[in-house]
Amino acid sequence: MPGRKWTVDEKMNIVLEGMVPGANISEVCRQHGVAQSLYYKWRDAFLTG
């Protein structure tokens, strides 16, 4: 089964939600159905432009 396609806006919003001070990355990922490894990949891409 192929994975879900995330839009750039969806990715950005999830990453920003995880960057809020005090945010729990595990909980953010669980709420959105995203693997933590994918979250960190998106975050790194977001931070490097």
N, C-alpha and C. Protein backbone atom coordinates (compact mmCIF):
# COMPACT_ATOMS: atom_id res chain seq x y z
N MET A 1 0.85 -1.18 0.00
CA MET A 1 0.00 0.00 0.00
C MET A 1 0.90 1.24 0.00
N PRO A 2 0.72 2.11 -0.96
CA PRO A 2 1.55 3.31 -1.02
C PRO A 2 1.21 4.27 0.12
N GLY A 3 2.21 5.05 0.51
CA GLY A 3 2.01 6.00 1.60
C GLY A 3 1.15 7.18 1.17
N ARG A 4 0.74 7.95 2.14
CA ARG A 4 -0.08 9.13 1.89
C ARG A 4 0.80 10.22 1.28
N LYS A 5 0.21 10.99 0.39
CA LYS A 5 0.91 12.15 -0.20
C LYS A 5 0.58 13.37 0.64
N TRP A 6 1.60 14.00 1.17
CA TRP A 6 1.45 15.19 1.99
C TRP A 6 1.76 16.42 1.14
N THR A 7 0.94 17.46 1.25
CA THR A 7 1.23 18.70 0.54
C THR A 7 2.34 19.44 1.29
N VAL A 8 2.96 20.38 0.61
CA VAL A 8 4.01 21.19 1.24
C VAL A 8 3.44 21.94 2.44
N ASP A 9 2.23 22.47 2.31
CA ASP A 9 1.61 23.19 3.43
C ASP A 9 1.36 22.28 4.62
N GLU A 10 0.91 21.06 4.38
CA GLU A 10 0.68 20.11 5.46
C GLU A 10 1.98 19.79 6.19
N LYS A 11 3.02 19.53 5.41
CA LYS A 11 4.33 19.23 6.00
C LYS A 11 4.81 20.40 6.85
N MET A 12 4.71 21.60 6.30
CA MET A 12 5.18 22.79 7.01
C MET A 12 4.41 22.99 8.31
N ASN A 13 3.09 22.81 8.27
CA ASN A 13 2.28 22.99 9.47
C ASN A 13 2.62 21.97 10.55
N ILE A 14 2.87 20.72 10.15
CA ILE A 14 3.23 19.68 11.11
C ILE A 14 4.59 19.99 11.73
N VAL A 15 5.55 20.39 10.89
CA VAL A 15 6.88 20.74 11.40
C VAL A 15 6.79 21.92 12.36
N LEU A 16 6.05 22.95 11.99
CA LEU A 16 5.92 24.12 12.86
C LEU A 16 5.25 23.76 14.18
N GLU A 17 4.26 22.87 14.13
CA GLU A 17 3.59 22.43 15.35
C GLU A 17 4.59 21.74 16.28
N GLY A 18 5.50 20.98 15.71
CA GLY A 18 6.51 20.30 16.51
C GLY A 18 7.59 21.21 17.03
N MET A 19 7.74 22.39 16.44
CA MET A 19 8.79 23.32 16.85
C MET A 19 8.34 24.29 17.94
N VAL A 20 7.07 24.25 18.30
CA VAL A 20 6.57 25.10 19.37
C VAL A 20 7.25 24.70 20.68
N PRO A 21 7.74 25.66 21.46
CA PRO A 21 8.39 25.31 22.73
C PRO A 21 7.48 24.43 23.59
N GLY A 22 8.03 23.33 24.07
CA GLY A 22 7.28 22.41 24.90
C GLY A 22 6.51 21.35 24.13
N ALA A 23 6.56 21.41 22.81
CA ALA A 23 5.84 20.43 21.99
C ALA A 23 6.46 19.05 22.17
N ASN A 24 5.61 18.03 22.16
CA ASN A 24 6.04 16.65 22.26
C ASN A 24 6.00 16.06 20.85
N ILE A 25 7.16 15.78 20.27
CA ILE A 25 7.24 15.31 18.89
C ILE A 25 6.48 14.00 18.71
N SER A 26 6.60 13.11 19.68
CA SER A 26 5.89 11.83 19.59
C SER A 26 4.39 12.06 19.47
N GLU A 27 3.86 12.98 20.27
CA GLU A 27 2.43 13.26 20.25
C GLU A 27 2.01 13.94 18.95
N VAL A 28 2.80 14.89 18.48
CA VAL A 28 2.50 15.57 17.21
C VAL A 28 2.44 14.55 16.08
N CYS A 29 3.43 13.67 16.03
CA CYS A 29 3.48 12.65 14.98
C CYS A 29 2.29 11.70 15.08
N ARG A 30 1.96 11.30 16.30
CA ARG A 30 0.84 10.39 16.50
C ARG A 30 -0.47 11.03 16.05
N GLN A 31 -0.67 12.29 16.38
CA GLN A 31 -1.90 13.00 16.02
C GLN A 31 -2.09 13.09 14.50
N HIS A 32 -0.98 13.19 13.79
CA HIS A 32 -1.05 13.37 12.34
C HIS A 32 -0.79 12.09 11.56
N GLY A 33 -0.44 11.02 12.26
CA GLY A 33 -0.17 9.75 11.59
C GLY A 33 1.12 9.78 10.79
N VAL A 34 2.13 10.46 11.33
CA VAL A 34 3.42 10.60 10.66
C VAL A 34 4.50 9.90 11.49
N ALA A 35 5.37 9.16 10.84
CA ALA A 35 6.49 8.54 11.54
C ALA A 35 7.45 9.63 12.00
N GLN A 36 8.06 9.44 13.17
CA GLN A 36 9.00 10.43 13.67
C GLN A 36 10.17 10.63 12.71
N SER A 37 10.62 9.56 12.08
CA SER A 37 11.74 9.68 11.14
C SER A 37 11.36 10.59 9.97
N LEU A 38 10.11 10.50 9.53
CA LEU A 38 9.64 11.36 8.44
C LEU A 38 9.53 12.81 8.92
N TYR A 39 9.05 12.99 10.14
CA TYR A 39 8.97 14.34 10.71
C TYR A 39 10.35 15.00 10.71
N TYR A 40 11.35 14.27 11.20
CA TYR A 40 12.70 14.85 11.28
C TYR A 40 13.29 15.11 9.89
N LYS A 41 12.94 14.28 8.93
CA LYS A 41 13.38 14.51 7.55
C LYS A 41 12.77 15.81 7.02
N TRP A 42 11.47 16.00 7.25
CA TRP A 42 10.80 17.23 6.83
C TRP A 42 11.39 18.44 7.56
N ARG A 43 11.62 18.30 8.87
CA ARG A 43 12.16 19.41 9.66
C ARG A 43 13.53 19.83 9.13
N ASP A 44 14.38 18.85 8.88
CA ASP A 44 15.71 19.17 8.37
C ASP A 44 15.64 19.86 7.02
N ALA A 45 14.74 19.40 6.15
CA ALA A 45 14.57 20.04 4.84
C ALA A 45 14.03 21.46 5.00
N PHE A 46 13.11 21.63 5.93
CA PHE A 46 12.52 22.94 6.19
C PHE A 46 13.58 23.92 6.71
N LEU A 47 14.44 23.46 7.60
CA LEU A 47 15.45 24.33 8.19
C LEU A 47 16.59 24.67 7.23
N THR A 48 16.86 23.79 6.27
CA THR A 48 17.95 24.05 5.33
C THR A 48 17.46 24.76 4.07
N GLY A 49 16.16 24.95 3.98
CA GLY A 49 15.61 25.69 2.85
C GLY A 49 15.30 24.79 1.73
